[in-house]
Amino acid sequence: MGCNPHAGVPLQLKHRSVTFRRDLKDNGARSKLGDMIYICAGMPRSGSTWVYNAVRLLLLNAGVPDLAAGWVEDKALLLAHDNPIIKVHSFDAELALRADVVLTSHRDLRDVAASLQRKFKTPFSTQLLHQMMADYGKWSQLAAYDLHYEDLLTDRAGELKKIACALKLPSSIVARFPYAEILKEVDGEQFSRGRSTALGHDSINLLHEGHITDGRHGSWKDFLPPEVVAAIENEFQGWMVAKRYIA
């Protein structure tokens, strides 16, 4: 399959990343396959953990050396490795500056609000959604890949291949990935209590117990009261229209 590894990447980011990589190679600091900092910075409840596991399993399959993956709380430990994968939601200026590849995800905000309430009992708050949107907005400007959650429901295989193309791997590796096997592994990931952290997620795949509450697009219709739906649609009308969630 053909890939444009810089598709969707701002010119300024491409220049900074290439220059930084050249400096590192000239100094002999990074010479192995990969040598990248990967940031999975999706909107909460938008398929961000699926993207994280897709990245993790693709890079494992590629044989990328000294690979380490985890939640941003362990940022310092992860960055000590040659090829860290860091999952984060809030914007992190240090990671944004150092990142080689940023991958994001977004979803209908009504479904996000419903999912947050179902999973974490999070009370509805436009302030919370504004903060999430601000974080997502900053990360998405740097993103080599941005998952439209609803596309995950209709073409998971296609999205996996798009992620592979965004990872800046040699084209020969991208072409020979066993995509069907990797997709089966990504979709088969489950929460393990034996690997549960103090934060309540699986230390390997970062899934929570009961992670998926209702993955349908439009599940908010059976859950959110009309006044909450109206508040979201009014407060975020421009973005919701641009993403074609409302007319």
C-alpha atoms as a PDB file:
ATOM      1  CA  MET A   1       0.000   0.000   0.000  1.00  0.00           C
ATOM      2  CA  GLY A   2       1.188   3.546  -0.670  1.00  0.00           C
ATOM      3  CA  CYS A   3       1.638   6.042   2.142  1.00  0.00           C
ATOM      4  CA  ASN A   4       2.440   9.706   2.381  1.00  0.00           C
ATOM      5  CA  PRO A   5       4.088   9.817   5.820  1.00  0.00           C
ATOM      6  CA  HIS A   6       3.692  13.591   6.066  1.00  0.00           C
ATOM      7  CA  ALA A   7       0.036  13.764   5.013  1.00  0.00           C
ATOM      8  CA  GLY A   8      -1.832  16.097   7.328  1.00  0.00           C
ATOM      9  CA  VAL A   9       1.339  17.233   9.137  1.00  0.00           C
ATOM     10  CA  PRO A  10       1.842  20.999   9.303  1.00  0.00           C
ATOM     11  CA  LEU A  11       4.880  22.205   7.318  1.00  0.00           C
ATOM     12  CA  GLN A  12       6.446  23.793  10.398  1.00  0.00           C
ATOM     13  CA  LEU A  13       6.230  20.513  12.316  1.00  0.00           C
ATOM     14  CA  LYS A  14       7.715  18.571   9.400  1.00  0.00           C
ATOM     15  CA  HIS A  15      10.672  20.958   9.231  1.00  0.00           C
ATOM     16  CA  ARG A  16      11.307  20.885  12.978  1.00  0.00           C
ATOM     17  CA  SER A  17      11.051  17.108  13.160  1.00  0.00           C
ATOM     18  CA  VAL A  18      13.336  16.474  10.185  1.00  0.00           C
ATOM     19  CA  THR A  19      15.915  18.991  11.418  1.00  0.00           C
ATOM     20  CA  PHE A  20      15.860  17.577  14.929  1.00  0.00           C
ATOM     21  CA  ARG A  21      16.237  14.043  13.581  1.00  0.00           C
ATOM     22  CA  ARG A  22      19.213  15.062  11.430  1.00  0.00           C
ATOM     23  CA  ASP A  23      20.948  16.669  14.416  1.00  0.00           C
ATOM     24  CA  LEU A  24      20.461  13.523  16.471  1.00  0.00           C
ATOM     25  CA  LYS A  25      21.776  11.285  13.738  1.00  0.00           C
ATOM     26  CA  ASP A  26      24.795  13.550  13.200  1.00  0.00           C
ATOM     27  CA  ASN A  27      25.581  13.222  16.894  1.00  0.00           C
ATOM     28  CA  GLY A  28      25.206   9.451  16.715  1.00  0.00           C
ATOM     29  CA  ALA A  29      22.577   9.563  19.456  1.00  0.00           C
ATOM     30  CA  ARG A  30      19.842   7.754  17.525  1.00  0.00           C
ATOM     31  CA  SER A  31      20.606   5.318  14.765  1.00  0.00           C
ATOM     32  CA  LYS A  32      18.175   2.410  15.281  1.00  0.00           C
ATOM     33  CA  LEU A  33      14.883   1.664  13.572  1.00  0.00           C
ATOM     34  CA  GLY A  34      12.300   4.076  14.882  1.00  0.00           C
ATOM     35  CA  ASP A  35      14.003   6.384  17.372  1.00  0.00           C
ATOM     36  CA  MET A  36      10.747   8.259  17.703  1.00  0.00           C
ATOM     37  CA  ILE A  37       8.568   9.748  20.418  1.00  0.00           C
ATOM     38  CA  TYR A  38       4.967   8.762  19.719  1.00  0.00           C
ATOM     39  CA  ILE A  39       2.147  10.662  21.417  1.00  0.00           C
ATOM     40  CA  CYS A  40      -1.421   9.308  21.445  1.00  0.00           C
ATOM     41  CA  ALA A  41      -3.416  12.350  22.460  1.00  0.00           C
ATOM     42  CA  GLY A  42      -7.039  11.688  21.643  1.00  0.00           C
ATOM     43  CA  MET A  43     -10.132  13.216  23.172  1.00  0.00           C
ATOM     44  CA  PRO A  44     -11.406  11.114  26.125  1.00  0.00           C
ATOM     45  CA  ARG A  45     -13.948   8.421  25.195  1.00  0.00           C
ATOM     46  CA  SER A  46     -13.236   8.830  21.477  1.00  0.00           C
ATOM     47  CA  GLY A  47     -11.365   5.635  20.627  1.00  0.00           C
ATOM     48  CA  SER A  48      -8.075   7.011  21.938  1.00  0.00           C
ATOM     49  CA  THR A  49      -7.167   3.767  23.712  1.00  0.00           C
ATOM     50  CA  TRP A  50      -7.851   1.806  20.524  1.00  0.00           C
ATOM     51  CA  VAL A  51      -5.457   4.120  18.683  1.00  0.00           C
ATOM     52  CA  TYR A  52      -2.861   3.688  21.453  1.00  0.00           C
ATOM     53  CA  ASN A  53      -3.027  -0.104  21.241  1.00  0.00           C
ATOM     54  CA  ALA A  54      -2.931  -0.023  17.455  1.00  0.00           C
ATOM     55  CA  VAL A  55       0.264   2.036  17.600  1.00  0.00           C
ATOM     56  CA  ARG A  56       1.760  -0.202  20.290  1.00  0.00           C
ATOM     57  CA  LEU A  57       1.041  -3.460  18.461  1.00  0.00           C
ATOM     58  CA  LEU A  58       2.110  -2.150  15.053  1.00  0.00           C
ATOM     59  CA  LEU A  59       5.463  -1.020  16.451  1.00  0.00           C
ATOM     60  CA  LEU A  60       5.921  -4.295  18.310  1.00  0.00           C
ATOM     61  CA  ASN A  61       5.257  -6.179  15.081  1.00  0.00           C
ATOM     62  CA  ALA A  62       7.741  -3.943  13.259  1.00  0.00           C
ATOM     63  CA  GLY A  63      10.438  -4.941  15.729  1.00  0.00           C
ATOM     64  CA  VAL A  64      11.103  -1.383  16.879  1.00  0.00           C
ATOM     65  CA  PRO A  65      13.784  -1.664  19.595  1.00  0.00           C
ATOM     66  CA  ASP A  66      13.647  -0.376  23.158  1.00  0.00           C
ATOM     67  CA  LEU A  67       9.915   0.250  22.851  1.00  0.00           C
ATOM     68  CA  ALA A  68       8.086   1.440  25.977  1.00  0.00           C
ATOM     69  CA  ALA A  69       4.427   2.382  26.209  1.00  0.00           C
ATOM     70  CA  GLY A  70       2.191   3.784  28.913  1.00  0.00           C
ATOM     71  CA  TRP A  71       0.209   6.602  30.463  1.00  0.00           C
ATOM     72  CA  VAL A  72       1.594  10.136  30.742  1.00  0.00           C
ATOM     73  CA  GLU A  73       1.953   9.813  34.521  1.00  0.00           C
ATOM     74  CA  ASP A  74       5.065   7.728  33.748  1.00  0.00           C
ATOM     75  CA  LYS A  75       6.367  10.260  31.224  1.00  0.00           C
ATOM     76  CA  ALA A  76       9.887  10.507  32.656  1.00  0.00           C
ATOM     77  CA  LEU A  77      10.386   6.739  32.692  1.00  0.00           C
ATOM     78  CA  LEU A  78       8.972   6.343  29.195  1.00  0.00           C
ATOM     79  CA  LEU A  79      11.107   9.106  27.714  1.00  0.00           C
ATOM     80  CA  ALA A  80      14.238   7.312  28.946  1.00  0.00           C
ATOM     81  CA  HIS A  81      13.621   4.729  26.202  1.00  0.00           C
ATOM     82  CA  ASP A  82      14.548   5.088  22.526  1.00  0.00           C
ATOM     83  CA  ASN A  83      10.984   4.647  21.298  1.00  0.00           C
ATOM     84  CA  PRO A  84       8.331   5.677  23.831  1.00  0.00           C
ATOM     85  CA  ILE A  85       4.589   5.670  23.199  1.00  0.00           C
ATOM     86  CA  ILE A  86       2.813   8.022  25.600  1.00  0.00           C
ATOM     87  CA  LYS A  87      -0.953   8.245  25.963  1.00  0.00           C
ATOM     88  CA  VAL A  88      -2.284  11.577  27.190  1.00  0.00           C
ATOM     89  CA  HIS A  89      -5.446  13.661  27.035  1.00  0.00           C
ATOM     90  CA  SER A  90      -4.428  17.049  28.469  1.00  0.00           C
ATOM     91  CA  PHE A  91      -2.096  19.202  26.418  1.00  0.00           C
ATOM     92  CA  ASP A  92       1.541  18.890  27.460  1.00  0.00           C
ATOM     93  CA  ALA A  93       3.843  21.570  26.036  1.00  0.00           C
ATOM     94  CA  GLU A  94       7.010  19.531  26.637  1.00  0.00           C
ATOM     95  CA  LEU A  95       5.651  16.484  24.846  1.00  0.00           C
ATOM     96  CA  ALA A  96       4.289  18.630  22.024  1.00  0.00           C
ATOM     97  CA  LEU A  97       7.754  20.083  21.456  1.00  0.00           C
ATOM     98  CA  ARG A  98       9.548  16.730  21.598  1.00  0.00           C
ATOM     99  CA  ALA A  99       7.018  14.569  19.762  1.00  0.00           C
ATOM    100  CA  ASP A 100       7.917  13.016  16.424  1.00  0.00           C
ATOM    101  CA  VAL A 101       4.464  11.580  15.736  1.00  0.00           C
ATOM    102  CA  VAL A 102       1.191  12.754  17.283  1.00  0.00           C
ATOM    103  CA  LEU A 103      -2.033  10.800  16.798  1.00  0.00           C
ATOM    104  CA  THR A 104      -5.404  12.139  17.942  1.00  0.00           C
ATOM    105  CA  SER A 105      -9.065  11.135  17.927  1.00  0.00           C
ATOM    106  CA  HIS A 106     -12.406  12.897  18.226  1.00  0.00           C
ATOM    107  CA  ARG A 107     -16.073  11.975  18.605  1.00  0.00           C
ATOM    108  CA  ASP A 108     -19.529  13.521  18.705  1.00  0.00           C
ATOM    109  CA  LEU A 109     -19.435  15.533  21.948  1.00  0.00           C
ATOM    110  CA  ARG A 110     -22.882  14.286  22.886  1.00  0.00           C
ATOM    111  CA  ASP A 111     -21.570  10.711  22.806  1.00  0.00           C
ATOM    112  CA  VAL A 112     -18.458  11.794  24.728  1.00  0.00           C
ATOM    113  CA  ALA A 113     -20.590  13.353  27.481  1.00  0.00           C
ATOM    114  CA  ALA A 114     -22.828  10.277  27.651  1.00  0.00           C
ATOM    115  CA  SER A 115     -19.853   7.905  27.779  1.00  0.00           C
ATOM    116  CA  LEU A 116     -18.160   9.895  30.546  1.00  0.00           C
ATOM    117  CA  GLN A 117     -21.316   9.728  32.633  1.00  0.00           C
ATOM    118  CA  ARG A 118     -21.858   6.021  32.044  1.00  0.00           C
ATOM    119  CA  LYS A 119     -18.275   5.001  32.782  1.00  0.00           C
ATOM    120  CA  PHE A 120     -17.016   7.476  35.377  1.00  0.00           C
ATOM    121  CA  LYS A 121     -20.278   9.031  36.664  1.00  0.00           C
ATOM    122  CA  THR A 122     -18.878  12.366  35.500  1.00  0.00           C
ATOM    123  CA  PRO A 123     -21.528  15.088  35.891  1.00  0.00           C
ATOM    124  CA  PHE A 124     -22.266  17.037  32.743  1.00  0.00           C
ATOM    125  CA  SER A 125     -20.242  20.238  32.488  1.00  0.00           C
ATOM    126  CA  THR A 126     -19.762  22.541  29.512  1.00  0.00           C
ATOM    127  CA  GLN A 127     -16.592  23.747  31.272  1.00  0.00           C
ATOM    128  CA  LEU A 128     -15.164  20.223  31.149  1.00  0.00           C
ATOM    129  CA  LEU A 129     -16.049  19.882  27.471  1.00  0.00           C
ATOM    130  CA  HIS A 130     -14.432  23.254  26.743  1.00  0.00           C
ATOM    131  CA  GLN A 131     -11.209  22.087  28.388  1.00  0.00           C
ATOM    132  CA  MET A 132     -11.286  18.823  26.453  1.00  0.00           C
ATOM    133  CA  MET A 133     -11.844  20.719  23.231  1.00  0.00           C
ATOM    134  CA  ALA A 134      -8.981  23.106  24.008  1.00  0.00           C
ATOM    135  CA  ASP A 135      -6.618  20.184  24.620  1.00  0.00           C
ATOM    136  CA  TYR A 136      -7.789  18.332  21.523  1.00  0.00           C
ATOM    137  CA  GLY A 137      -7.515  21.485  19.433  1.00  0.00           C
ATOM    138  CA  LYS A 138      -3.854  21.986  20.343  1.00  0.00           C
ATOM    139  CA  TRP A 139      -2.906  18.353  19.822  1.00  0.00           C
ATOM    140  CA  SER A 140      -4.831  18.018  16.558  1.00  0.00           C
ATOM    141  CA  GLN A 141      -2.824  20.871  15.012  1.00  0.00           C
ATOM    142  CA  LEU A 142       0.245  18.619  15.355  1.00  0.00           C
ATOM    143  CA  ALA A 143      -1.437  15.354  14.397  1.00  0.00           C
ATOM    144  CA  ALA A 144      -0.205  13.105  11.621  1.00  0.00           C
ATOM    145  CA  TYR A 145      -3.427  11.111  12.105  1.00  0.00           C
ATOM    146  CA  ASP A 146      -6.797  12.070  13.570  1.00  0.00           C
ATOM    147  CA  LEU A 147      -9.388   9.339  14.084  1.00  0.00           C
ATOM    148  CA  HIS A 148     -12.986  10.275  13.347  1.00  0.00           C
ATOM    149  CA  TYR A 149     -14.510   7.842  15.868  1.00  0.00           C
ATOM    150  CA  GLU A 150     -17.426   6.989  13.652  1.00  0.00           C
ATOM    151  CA  ASP A 151     -15.031   5.728  10.958  1.00  0.00           C
ATOM    152  CA  LEU A 152     -13.736   3.207  13.474  1.00  0.00           C
ATOM    153  CA  LEU A 153     -17.197   1.668  13.545  1.00  0.00           C
ATOM    154  CA  THR A 154     -17.311   1.161   9.779  1.00  0.00           C
ATOM    155  CA  ASP A 155     -13.710   0.487   8.678  1.00  0.00           C
ATOM    156  CA  ARG A 156     -11.366  -0.602  11.449  1.00  0.00           C
ATOM    157  CA  ALA A 157      -8.981  -2.221   8.987  1.00  0.00           C
ATOM    158  CA  GLY A 158      -8.746   0.986   6.994  1.00  0.00           C
ATOM    159  CA  GLU A 159      -8.035   3.040  10.103  1.00  0.00           C
ATOM    160  CA  LEU A 160      -5.316   0.614  11.198  1.00  0.00           C
ATOM    161  CA  LYS A 161      -3.578   1.054   7.840  1.00  0.00           C
ATOM    162  CA  LYS A 162      -3.831   4.846   8.128  1.00  0.00           C
ATOM    163  CA  ILE A 163      -2.189   4.648  11.554  1.00  0.00           C
ATOM    164  CA  ALA A 164       0.601   2.486  10.132  1.00  0.00           C
ATOM    165  CA  CYS A 165       1.221   5.106   7.459  1.00  0.00           C
ATOM    166  CA  ALA A 166       1.496   7.842  10.095  1.00  0.00           C
ATOM    167  CA  LEU A 167       4.242   6.158  12.136  1.00  0.00           C
ATOM    168  CA  LYS A 168       7.154   7.190   9.880  1.00  0.00           C
ATOM    169  CA  LEU A 169       8.314   3.620   9.418  1.00  0.00           C
ATOM    170  CA  PRO A 170      10.113   2.409   6.285  1.00  0.00           C
ATOM    171  CA  SER A 171       7.619   1.794   3.491  1.00  0.00           C
ATOM    172  CA  SER A 172       8.821  -1.799   3.180  1.00  0.00           C
ATOM    173  CA  ILE A 173       7.702  -2.502   6.751  1.00  0.00           C
ATOM    174  CA  VAL A 174       4.359  -0.754   6.301  1.00  0.00           C
ATOM    175  CA  ALA A 175       3.704  -2.801   3.154  1.00  0.00           C
ATOM    176  CA  ARG A 176       4.260  -6.171   4.797  1.00  0.00           C
ATOM    177  CA  PHE A 177       2.385  -5.702   8.070  1.00  0.00           C
ATOM    178  CA  PRO A 178      -0.026  -8.626   8.720  1.00  0.00           C
ATOM    179  CA  TYR A 179      -2.896  -6.176   9.166  1.00  0.00           C
ATOM    180  CA  ALA A 180      -5.629  -8.757   9.730  1.00  0.00           C
ATOM    181  CA  GLU A 181      -3.662 -10.415  12.532  1.00  0.00           C
ATOM    182  CA  ILE A 182      -2.741  -7.121  14.183  1.00  0.00           C
ATOM    183  CA  LEU A 183      -6.338  -5.877  13.991  1.00  0.00           C
ATOM    184  CA  LYS A 184      -7.550  -9.075  15.645  1.00  0.00           C
ATOM    185  CA  GLU A 185      -5.021  -8.541  18.423  1.00  0.00           C
ATOM    186  CA  VAL A 186      -5.979  -4.882  18.904  1.00  0.00           C
ATOM    187  CA  ASP A 187      -9.681  -5.717  19.069  1.00  0.00           C
ATOM    188  CA  GLY A 188      -8.971  -8.644  21.390  1.00  0.00           C
ATOM    189  CA  GLU A 189      -7.280  -6.549  24.073  1.00  0.00           C
ATOM    190  CA  GLN A 190      -9.032  -6.861  27.442  1.00  0.00           C
ATOM    191  CA  PHE A 191      -8.636  -5.394  30.909  1.00  0.00           C
ATOM    192  CA  SER A 192      -6.719  -7.633  33.316  1.00  0.00           C
ATOM    193  CA  ARG A 193      -7.196  -7.154  37.054  1.00  0.00           C
ATOM    194  CA  GLY A 194      -3.794  -8.753  37.554  1.00  0.00           C
ATOM    195  CA  ARG A 195      -2.232  -5.824  35.679  1.00  0.00           C
ATOM    196  CA  SER A 196      -4.434  -3.128  37.209  1.00  0.00           C
ATOM    197  CA  THR A 197      -2.647   0.045  38.327  1.00  0.00           C
ATOM    198  CA  ALA A 198      -3.474   2.404  41.183  1.00  0.00           C
ATOM    199  CA  LEU A 199      -5.305   4.519  38.601  1.00  0.00           C
ATOM    200  CA  GLY A 200      -7.529   1.565  37.733  1.00  0.00           C
ATOM    201  CA  HIS A 201      -6.338   0.812  34.218  1.00  0.00           C
ATOM    202  CA  ASP A 202      -4.488  -2.146  32.761  1.00  0.00           C
ATOM    203  CA  SER A 203      -0.753  -1.370  32.822  1.00  0.00           C
ATOM    204  CA  ILE A 204      -0.225  -2.791  29.316  1.00  0.00           C
ATOM    205  CA  ASN A 205      -3.207  -1.806  27.193  1.00  0.00           C
ATOM    206  CA  LEU A 206      -4.496   1.050  29.434  1.00  0.00           C
ATOM    207  CA  LEU A 207      -8.045  -0.295  29.314  1.00  0.00           C
ATOM    208  CA  HIS A 208     -10.293   0.138  32.339  1.00  0.00           C
ATOM    209  CA  GLU A 209     -12.638  -2.568  33.547  1.00  0.00           C
ATOM    210  CA  GLY A 210     -15.844  -2.161  31.544  1.00  0.00           C
ATOM    211  CA  HIS A 211     -13.990   0.286  29.319  1.00  0.00           C
ATOM    212  CA  ILE A 212     -16.565   0.299  26.513  1.00  0.00           C
ATOM    213  CA  THR A 213     -19.974   1.276  27.866  1.00  0.00           C
ATOM    214  CA  ASP A 214     -21.845   1.697  24.589  1.00  0.00           C
ATOM    215  CA  GLY A 215     -19.748   2.138  21.481  1.00  0.00           C
ATOM    216  CA  ARG A 216     -22.605   3.061  19.183  1.00  0.00           C
ATOM    217  CA  HIS A 217     -22.686   6.371  17.380  1.00  0.00           C
ATOM    218  CA  GLY A 218     -25.707   8.237  18.686  1.00  0.00           C
ATOM    219  CA  SER A 219     -25.937   6.343  21.972  1.00  0.00           C
ATOM    220  CA  TRP A 220     -26.504   9.714  23.638  1.00  0.00           C
ATOM    221  CA  LYS A 221     -30.092   9.628  22.365  1.00  0.00           C
ATOM    222  CA  ASP A 222     -30.943   6.934  24.923  1.00  0.00           C
ATOM    223  CA  PHE A 223     -29.078   8.587  27.773  1.00  0.00           C
ATOM    224  CA  LEU A 224     -28.745  12.369  27.805  1.00  0.00           C
ATOM    225  CA  PRO A 225     -31.666  14.590  28.856  1.00  0.00           C
ATOM    226  CA  PRO A 226     -32.867  17.119  26.236  1.00  0.00           C
ATOM    227  CA  GLU A 227     -31.473  20.119  28.124  1.00  0.00           C
ATOM    228  CA  VAL A 228     -27.953  18.644  28.095  1.00  0.00           C
ATOM    229  CA  VAL A 229     -28.189  17.851  24.377  1.00  0.00           C
ATOM    230  CA  ALA A 230     -29.331  21.404  23.691  1.00  0.00           C
ATOM    231  CA  ALA A 231     -26.511  22.863  25.793  1.00  0.00           C
ATOM    232  CA  ILE A 232     -23.863  20.891  23.883  1.00  0.00           C
ATOM    233  CA  GLU A 233     -25.308  21.667  20.475  1.00  0.00           C
ATOM    234  CA  ASN A 234     -25.562  25.387  21.267  1.00  0.00           C
ATOM    235  CA  GLU A 235     -22.197  25.754  23.010  1.00  0.00           C
ATOM    236  CA  PHE A 236     -20.204  23.853  20.384  1.00  0.00           C
ATOM    237  CA  GLN A 237     -22.343  24.487  17.325  1.00  0.00           C
ATOM    238  CA  GLY A 238     -19.504  25.566  15.022  1.00  0.00           C
ATOM    239  CA  TRP A 239     -17.360  22.510  15.682  1.00  0.00           C
ATOM    240  CA  MET A 240     -20.317  20.134  15.611  1.00  0.00           C
ATOM    241  CA  VAL A 241     -21.392  21.496  12.220  1.00  0.00           C
ATOM    242  CA  ALA A 242     -17.837  21.377  10.849  1.00  0.00           C
ATOM    243  CA  LYS A 243     -17.552  17.702  11.838  1.00  0.00           C
ATOM    244  CA  ARG A 244     -21.049  17.084  10.418  1.00  0.00           C
ATOM    245  CA  TYR A 245     -22.548  15.927  13.705  1.00  0.00           C
ATOM    246  CA  ILE A 246     -25.335  18.472  13.320  1.00  0.00           C
ATOM    247  CA  ALA A 247     -26.651  20.334  10.295  1.00  0.00           C
END
